[in-house]
Amino acid sequence: MLTAKQLAALRAEPGTNRVAKAIALAGVTQGTVAGALGFPQPYISDVARRRYQTITVENARKFAHYFGCSIEDLFPAPRQAAP
């Protein structure tokens, strides 16, 4: 769903949860994503607002498949500070 240019913008976004950015780049609503993935809209909102510290691999996979990217594009590992 995301173009190569949009994926580049997504990957440049800081943080460990880029779902809100992916939604904005795709030009869809949280309700649209919820309907497509079979999740309640409040869950999409909570994920996008980073209200969860973790997300299941299966749910992360569903988000990634919907946006046409990798799980790591949406949920990159936190960067370690240099010692």
C-alpha atoms as a PDB file:
ATOM      1  CA  MET A   1       0.000   0.000   0.000  1.00  0.00           C
ATOM      2  CA  LEU A   2       2.838   2.437   0.733  1.00  0.00           C
ATOM      3  CA  THR A   3       4.945   3.606  -2.188  1.00  0.00           C
ATOM      4  CA  ALA A   4       8.740   3.467  -2.172  1.00  0.00           C
ATOM      5  CA  LYS A   5       8.851   7.193  -1.397  1.00  0.00           C
ATOM      6  CA  GLN A   6       6.389   6.763   1.464  1.00  0.00           C
ATOM      7  CA  LEU A   7       8.388   3.824   2.833  1.00  0.00           C
ATOM      8  CA  ALA A   8      11.518   5.980   2.827  1.00  0.00           C
ATOM      9  CA  ALA A   9       9.654   8.651   4.801  1.00  0.00           C
ATOM     10  CA  LEU A  10       8.357   6.014   7.207  1.00  0.00           C
ATOM     11  CA  ARG A  11      11.842   4.614   7.786  1.00  0.00           C
ATOM     12  CA  ALA A  12      13.162   8.121   8.500  1.00  0.00           C
ATOM     13  CA  GLU A  13      10.584   8.608  11.275  1.00  0.00           C
ATOM     14  CA  PRO A  14      12.209   8.349  14.726  1.00  0.00           C
ATOM     15  CA  GLY A  15      10.838   6.113  17.430  1.00  0.00           C
ATOM     16  CA  THR A  16       9.903   2.489  17.943  1.00  0.00           C
ATOM     17  CA  ASN A  17       6.286   2.699  16.751  1.00  0.00           C
ATOM     18  CA  ARG A  18       5.552   4.228  13.375  1.00  0.00           C
ATOM     19  CA  VAL A  19       1.919   3.152  12.937  1.00  0.00           C
ATOM     20  CA  ALA A  20       0.537   6.701  13.142  1.00  0.00           C
ATOM     21  CA  LYS A  21       3.019   7.828  10.484  1.00  0.00           C
ATOM     22  CA  ALA A  22       2.088   4.891   8.232  1.00  0.00           C
ATOM     23  CA  ILE A  23      -1.610   5.737   8.558  1.00  0.00           C
ATOM     24  CA  ALA A  24      -0.919   9.373   7.651  1.00  0.00           C
ATOM     25  CA  LEU A  25       1.332   8.465   4.719  1.00  0.00           C
ATOM     26  CA  ALA A  26      -1.227   5.990   3.360  1.00  0.00           C
ATOM     27  CA  GLY A  27      -3.956   8.624   3.585  1.00  0.00           C
ATOM     28  CA  VAL A  28      -6.363   6.311   5.384  1.00  0.00           C
ATOM     29  CA  THR A  29      -8.280   6.599   8.628  1.00  0.00           C
ATOM     30  CA  GLN A  30      -7.883   4.507  11.729  1.00  0.00           C
ATOM     31  CA  GLY A  31     -11.381   3.185  11.027  1.00  0.00           C
ATOM     32  CA  THR A  32     -10.312   2.008   7.582  1.00  0.00           C
ATOM     33  CA  VAL A  33      -7.312   0.187   9.045  1.00  0.00           C
ATOM     34  CA  ALA A  34      -9.473  -1.311  11.801  1.00  0.00           C
ATOM     35  CA  GLY A  35     -11.997  -2.617   9.295  1.00  0.00           C
ATOM     36  CA  ALA A  36      -9.327  -4.112   7.060  1.00  0.00           C
ATOM     37  CA  LEU A  37      -7.504  -5.817   9.928  1.00  0.00           C
ATOM     38  CA  GLY A  38     -10.540  -6.859  11.953  1.00  0.00           C
ATOM     39  CA  PHE A  39      -9.522  -4.843  15.009  1.00  0.00           C
ATOM     40  CA  PRO A  40     -11.705  -2.392  16.940  1.00  0.00           C
ATOM     41  CA  GLN A  41     -10.914   1.228  16.038  1.00  0.00           C
ATOM     42  CA  PRO A  42      -9.952   2.086  19.649  1.00  0.00           C
ATOM     43  CA  TYR A  43      -7.218  -0.573  19.444  1.00  0.00           C
ATOM     44  CA  ILE A  44      -5.792   1.074  16.308  1.00  0.00           C
ATOM     45  CA  SER A  45      -5.878   4.408  18.116  1.00  0.00           C
ATOM     46  CA  ASP A  46      -4.100   2.975  21.145  1.00  0.00           C
ATOM     47  CA  VAL A  47      -1.378   1.396  18.999  1.00  0.00           C
ATOM     48  CA  ALA A  48      -0.931   4.597  16.974  1.00  0.00           C
ATOM     49  CA  ARG A  49      -0.684   6.673  20.155  1.00  0.00           C
ATOM     50  CA  ARG A  50       1.856   4.260  21.632  1.00  0.00           C
ATOM     51  CA  ARG A  51      -0.334   3.345  24.587  1.00  0.00           C
ATOM     52  CA  TYR A  52       1.012  -0.206  24.511  1.00  0.00           C
ATOM     53  CA  GLN A  53       4.569  -1.066  25.446  1.00  0.00           C
ATOM     54  CA  THR A  54       4.406  -4.257  23.371  1.00  0.00           C
ATOM     55  CA  ILE A  55       2.410  -5.679  20.485  1.00  0.00           C
ATOM     56  CA  THR A  56       2.022  -9.322  19.538  1.00  0.00           C
ATOM     57  CA  VAL A  57       4.022 -10.563  16.576  1.00  0.00           C
ATOM     58  CA  GLU A  58       0.809 -11.637  14.855  1.00  0.00           C
ATOM     59  CA  ASN A  59      -0.745  -8.171  15.195  1.00  0.00           C
ATOM     60  CA  ALA A  60       2.494  -6.514  14.071  1.00  0.00           C
ATOM     61  CA  ARG A  61       2.503  -8.833  11.052  1.00  0.00           C
ATOM     62  CA  LYS A  62      -1.073  -7.792  10.195  1.00  0.00           C
ATOM     63  CA  PHE A  63      -0.137  -4.105  10.307  1.00  0.00           C
ATOM     64  CA  ALA A  64       2.957  -4.702   8.166  1.00  0.00           C
ATOM     65  CA  HIS A  65       1.022  -6.726   5.598  1.00  0.00           C
ATOM     66  CA  TYR A  66      -1.652  -4.032   5.356  1.00  0.00           C
ATOM     67  CA  PHE A  67       0.900  -1.280   4.720  1.00  0.00           C
ATOM     68  CA  GLY A  68       3.083  -3.446   2.464  1.00  0.00           C
ATOM     69  CA  CYS A  69       6.205  -3.143   4.578  1.00  0.00           C
ATOM     70  CA  SER A  70       8.195  -5.140   7.103  1.00  0.00           C
ATOM     71  CA  ILE A  71       7.438  -5.370  10.792  1.00  0.00           C
ATOM     72  CA  GLU A  72      10.764  -3.617  11.403  1.00  0.00           C
ATOM     73  CA  ASP A  73       9.611  -0.662   9.284  1.00  0.00           C
ATOM     74  CA  LEU A  74       6.676  -0.123  11.656  1.00  0.00           C
ATOM     75  CA  PHE A  75       8.258  -1.255  14.918  1.00  0.00           C
ATOM     76  CA  PRO A  76      12.043  -0.760  14.729  1.00  0.00           C
ATOM     77  CA  ALA A  77      14.188  -1.971  17.593  1.00  0.00           C
ATOM     78  CA  PRO A  78      15.189   0.757  20.023  1.00  0.00           C
ATOM     79  CA  ARG A  79      18.656   2.115  19.375  1.00  0.00           C
ATOM     80  CA  GLN A  80      21.226   1.401  22.019  1.00  0.00           C
ATOM     81  CA  ALA A  81      23.177   4.331  23.410  1.00  0.00           C
ATOM     82  CA  ALA A  82      26.917   4.038  22.893  1.00  0.00           C
ATOM     83  CA  PRO A  83      28.780   3.240  26.137  1.00  0.00           C
END
